[in-house]
Structure formats: structure tokens, C-alpha cells
Amino acid sequence: MSENERDMKDFVETYRLKVLEYEALDEEIDTLIMQYGGQAENMPYEALRRYRKLARKRDEVQNEMRVLEQMLMPSDEGDGDSE
């Protein structure tokens, strides 16, 4: 197996783990918010704090996923090269 193939497998595995992490955070957020009628404004302070912390973490993971997506599937558009 070439180094490129190994690197690609590592990127794919990292991406897969990030997707699982994102989905777990999303489910935890859904469960939390549904305890309060599906509306964050119904949450007590501590629950709202937890909700915001989970949402920030989920956003961070989503951004990491986007970076990995760009590395795994580079686009030819907008790279500034003209032929």
C-alpha cells in the first residue's frame, strides 16, 4: 500500500469518526431540548448552558468535517489555475 493510499485511509477513518461524534452530539442536543418541549427558551439556566456547550462542540466537529471533506474531495473550481 502506498503512502498516499494509507493517508487517504487515515483521512477517511478520521472523517468517519467525526461523523459519529457529530451524530452523537446532535442526538444528545435533540434529547435535551425535547425535555423542554422542543424550545430552548423553556430550558432552565443549567440546561441552557449545557445545550449551548453541546451546540458549540457540534459546530466545531462540523467544521472539522468540512475541512476533511475538502481534503478528501478537492474541487477544481476556484483554485486560480487557468489553462
Protein backbone atom coordinates (compact mmCIF):
# COMPACT_ATOMS: atom_id res chain seq x y z
CA MET A 1 0.00 0.00 0.00
CA SER A 2 1.41 3.36 -0.99
CA GLU A 3 1.79 6.24 1.43
CA ASN A 4 -0.97 8.16 -0.42
CA GLU A 5 -3.37 5.25 -0.01
CA ARG A 6 -2.51 4.99 3.66
CA ASP A 7 -3.02 8.74 4.13
CA MET A 8 -6.35 8.57 2.33
CA LYS A 9 -7.49 5.68 4.55
CA ASP A 10 -6.47 7.69 7.61
CA PHE A 11 -8.44 10.72 6.38
CA VAL A 12 -11.49 8.56 5.65
CA GLU A 13 -11.32 6.92 9.09
CA THR A 14 -10.90 10.30 10.79
CA TYR A 15 -13.88 11.62 8.83
CA ARG A 16 -15.97 8.59 9.79
CA LEU A 17 -15.17 9.14 13.46
CA LYS A 18 -16.07 12.84 13.18
CA VAL A 19 -19.42 11.92 11.60
CA LEU A 20 -20.14 9.56 14.50
CA GLU A 21 -19.14 12.23 17.01
CA TYR A 22 -21.35 14.79 15.26
CA GLU A 23 -24.33 12.42 15.22
CA ALA A 24 -23.89 11.62 18.93
CA LEU A 25 -23.75 15.30 19.84
CA ASP A 26 -26.77 16.04 17.65
CA GLU A 27 -28.77 13.26 19.31
CA GLU A 28 -27.77 14.47 22.77
CA ILE A 29 -28.89 18.00 21.85
CA ASP A 30 -32.20 16.71 20.49
CA THR A 31 -32.83 14.67 23.63
CA LEU A 32 -32.03 17.62 25.87
CA ILE A 33 -34.17 20.12 24.02
CA MET A 34 -37.11 17.71 23.77
CA GLN A 35 -37.16 17.50 27.57
CA TYR A 36 -38.30 21.13 27.46
CA GLY A 37 -40.95 20.93 24.77
CA GLY A 38 -38.53 21.37 21.89
CA GLN A 39 -37.82 25.01 22.72
CA ALA A 40 -34.60 26.35 24.19
CA GLU A 41 -36.45 29.27 25.79
CA ASN A 42 -38.22 26.75 28.08
CA MET A 43 -34.92 25.47 29.47
CA PRO A 44 -33.66 26.36 32.93
CA TYR A 45 -30.28 28.07 33.11
CA GLU A 46 -28.14 24.94 33.63
CA ALA A 47 -29.86 23.02 30.83
CA LEU A 48 -29.47 26.01 28.51
CA ARG A 49 -25.79 26.22 29.40
CA ARG A 50 -25.36 22.54 28.58
CA TYR A 51 -27.32 22.96 25.34
CA ARG A 52 -25.10 25.85 24.22
CA LYS A 53 -21.92 23.94 25.13
CA LEU A 54 -23.07 20.90 23.13
CA ALA A 55 -24.10 23.09 20.19
CA ARG A 56 -20.68 24.79 20.13
CA LYS A 57 -18.94 21.41 20.21
CA ARG A 58 -21.20 20.11 17.43
CA ASP A 59 -20.35 23.21 15.33
CA GLU A 60 -16.63 22.60 15.92
CA VAL A 61 -16.95 18.98 14.81
CA GLN A 62 -18.94 20.03 11.74
CA ASN A 63 -16.19 22.49 10.80
CA GLU A 64 -13.58 19.75 11.21
CA MET A 65 -15.69 17.53 8.95
CA ARG A 66 -15.79 20.26 6.30
CA VAL A 67 -12.01 20.61 6.37
CA LEU A 68 -11.64 16.85 5.97
CA GLU A 69 -14.19 16.87 3.13
CA GLN A 70 -12.13 19.48 1.31
CA MET A 71 -9.01 17.39 1.78
CA LEU A 72 -10.76 14.21 0.61
CA MET A 73 -12.60 15.76 -2.32
CA PRO A 74 -10.66 18.76 -3.59
CA SER A 75 -12.55 20.93 -6.00
CA ASP A 76 -11.10 22.12 -9.29
CA GLU A 77 -13.26 25.25 -9.08
CA GLY A 78 -11.81 28.44 -7.75
CA ASP A 79 -8.24 27.23 -7.39
CA GLY A 80 -6.96 30.07 -9.54
CA ASP A 81 -5.37 27.86 -12.18
CA SER A 82 -6.29 28.68 -15.75
CA GLU A 83 -5.37 26.56 -18.68
